[in-house]
Amino acid sequence: MKRRHILATAAYLCAASAAHGAEFELSLGEIGLREYYCTAQMTLANRGERPALEVSGHFLLYVGDTQVGRSKGTWFMNLAPGESVTAVFETPNAPCTEVERYAFVVGACRLDGPGFAPVADCAARITGVGPVEVVPDP
């Protein structure tokens, strides 16, 4: 009994630590349709203590394991600690209501200095929520 309690507590602490470990959290807002573009509002929240000056990228959209679209690229700019910013990503001819997963591909990342950070390092600092995931390299 005691061992089961210790294991359950350890599992909870690991999960809580992983969930709160990422500096940035990326989540899906409203989806819609503009002409022939599937639009998805994505919000990047800064849960860390450092600013993010620029995070750019695009999304790969999936139904099951099949890629059904690639969004235009856009960026999140000037994100202070504790704040969030929303950007709209547009994907031509994608089946909006059928998309099950949005995979964010980081294109460039400038955090708290003038230079760009390695894309893989930046991707590792962002966690996706719900149907959103962050992929280091597709």
Protein backbone atom coordinates (compact mmCIF):
# COMPACT_ATOMS: atom_id res chain seq x y z
CA MET A 1 0.00 0.00 0.00
CA LYS A 2 2.75 2.44 0.98
CA ARG A 3 4.75 1.57 -2.16
CA ARG A 4 1.75 2.21 -4.41
CA HIS A 5 1.26 5.62 -2.76
CA ILE A 6 4.94 6.50 -3.27
CA LEU A 7 4.79 5.46 -6.94
CA ALA A 8 1.60 7.44 -7.53
CA THR A 9 3.11 10.51 -5.90
CA ALA A 10 6.30 10.19 -7.97
CA ALA A 11 4.29 9.85 -11.18
CA TYR A 12 2.23 12.92 -10.30
CA LEU A 13 5.32 15.01 -9.54
CA CYS A 14 7.00 13.97 -12.81
CA ALA A 15 3.89 14.86 -14.81
CA ALA A 16 3.49 18.19 -13.02
CA SER A 17 7.15 18.99 -13.52
CA ALA A 18 6.98 18.21 -17.26
CA ALA A 19 3.83 20.26 -17.71
CA HIS A 20 5.33 23.30 -15.97
CA GLY A 21 8.87 22.88 -17.28
CA ALA A 22 8.37 24.50 -20.68
CA GLU A 23 8.92 28.22 -20.89
CA PHE A 24 6.35 28.70 -23.63
CA GLU A 25 2.93 27.15 -24.20
CA LEU A 26 1.29 27.02 -27.64
CA SER A 27 -2.46 26.47 -27.91
CA LEU A 28 -5.24 26.52 -30.50
CA GLY A 29 -7.99 29.13 -30.39
CA GLU A 30 -10.70 29.56 -33.01
CA ILE A 31 -10.60 27.93 -36.41
CA GLY A 32 -12.39 29.31 -39.44
CA LEU A 33 -12.50 29.69 -43.17
CA ARG A 34 -11.49 32.75 -45.19
CA GLU A 35 -12.05 32.25 -48.89
CA TYR A 36 -10.18 28.98 -49.48
CA TYR A 37 -7.89 29.31 -46.45
CA CYS A 38 -8.38 27.33 -43.26
CA THR A 39 -7.51 29.78 -40.48
CA ALA A 40 -6.33 28.82 -37.01
CA GLN A 41 -5.70 31.27 -34.19
CA MET A 42 -2.70 30.12 -32.18
CA THR A 43 -1.69 31.62 -28.85
CA LEU A 44 1.85 31.51 -27.49
CA ALA A 45 2.03 32.14 -23.73
CA ASN A 46 5.28 32.99 -21.99
CA ARG A 47 5.44 30.99 -18.74
CA GLY A 48 9.13 31.71 -18.21
CA GLU A 49 11.14 34.59 -16.84
CA ARG A 50 12.76 35.75 -20.08
CA PRO A 51 11.18 37.56 -23.03
CA ALA A 52 10.78 36.12 -26.50
CA LEU A 53 11.52 38.76 -29.10
CA GLU A 54 10.53 36.63 -32.10
CA VAL A 55 9.33 33.08 -32.72
CA SER A 56 8.42 32.29 -36.31
CA GLY A 57 7.24 29.14 -37.98
CA HIS A 58 4.46 27.29 -39.72
CA PHE A 59 2.08 24.41 -39.03
CA LEU A 60 1.69 21.01 -40.63
CA LEU A 61 -1.94 19.88 -40.39
CA TYR A 62 -2.88 16.23 -39.96
CA VAL A 63 -5.91 13.99 -40.12
CA GLY A 64 -4.74 10.79 -38.48
CA ASP A 65 -1.21 10.20 -39.78
CA THR A 66 -1.87 11.92 -43.11
CA GLN A 67 -0.59 15.45 -43.64
CA VAL A 68 -3.46 17.46 -45.18
CA GLY A 69 -1.86 20.89 -45.33
CA ARG A 70 0.95 23.29 -44.55
CA SER A 71 0.18 26.75 -43.28
CA LYS A 72 1.75 29.95 -44.40
CA GLY A 73 4.44 31.06 -42.01
CA THR A 74 3.96 33.83 -39.49
CA TRP A 75 5.48 34.88 -36.18
CA PHE A 76 4.89 35.81 -32.56
CA MET A 77 6.63 39.04 -31.57
CA ASN A 78 7.72 40.80 -28.35
CA LEU A 79 6.37 38.36 -25.78
CA ALA A 80 7.17 39.47 -22.22
CA PRO A 81 7.15 37.05 -19.27
CA GLY A 82 3.59 36.34 -18.13
CA GLU A 83 2.05 37.59 -21.38
CA SER A 84 0.58 35.84 -24.39
CA VAL A 85 0.22 36.78 -28.03
CA THR A 86 -2.06 35.40 -30.74
CA ALA A 87 -1.31 34.95 -34.44
CA VAL A 88 -3.47 33.61 -37.25
CA PHE A 89 -2.04 30.85 -39.43
CA GLU A 90 -3.62 30.28 -42.85
CA THR A 91 -3.54 26.99 -44.73
CA PRO A 92 -4.80 26.88 -48.32
CA ASN A 93 -7.33 24.20 -49.26
CA ALA A 94 -7.14 22.31 -45.94
CA PRO A 95 -10.16 20.46 -44.53
CA CYS A 96 -10.56 22.74 -41.46
CA THR A 97 -13.17 20.81 -39.55
CA GLU A 98 -11.40 17.48 -40.00
CA VAL A 99 -7.91 18.47 -38.76
CA GLU A 100 -6.96 16.46 -35.69
CA ARG A 101 -3.41 17.64 -35.07
CA TYR A 102 -1.39 20.81 -35.65
CA ALA A 103 2.39 20.35 -35.68
CA PHE A 104 4.32 23.61 -35.20
CA VAL A 105 7.66 23.81 -37.00
CA VAL A 106 9.93 26.56 -35.65
CA GLY A 107 11.53 28.57 -38.44
CA ALA A 108 13.51 31.10 -36.39
CA CYS A 109 13.74 32.12 -32.77
CA ARG A 110 15.19 35.21 -31.17
CA LEU A 111 14.85 35.22 -27.42
CA ASP A 112 16.45 37.90 -25.25
CA GLY A 113 19.34 39.03 -27.40
CA PRO A 114 20.18 40.20 -30.89
CA GLY A 115 21.14 36.76 -32.25
CA PHE A 116 18.97 33.81 -33.26
CA ALA A 117 18.85 30.66 -31.14
CA PRO A 118 19.18 27.21 -32.71
CA VAL A 119 15.75 26.07 -33.93
CA ALA A 120 15.90 22.73 -32.06
CA ASP A 121 16.73 24.50 -28.77
CA CYS A 122 13.81 26.87 -29.24
CA ALA A 123 11.39 24.04 -30.12
CA ALA A 124 12.39 22.19 -26.95
CA ARG A 125 11.32 25.19 -24.87
CA ILE A 126 7.76 25.22 -26.28
CA THR A 127 5.06 22.76 -25.30
CA GLY A 128 1.87 22.23 -27.26
CA VAL A 129 -1.57 22.05 -25.66
CA GLY A 130 -4.42 19.85 -26.90
CA PRO A 131 -4.17 19.15 -30.63
CA VAL A 132 -1.02 21.29 -30.93
CA GLU A 133 2.46 19.80 -30.81
CA VAL A 134 5.89 21.22 -31.50
CA VAL A 135 8.21 19.29 -33.77
CA PRO A 136 11.95 20.00 -33.83
CA ASP A 137 12.34 18.98 -37.46
CA PRO A 138 9.64 17.44 -39.68
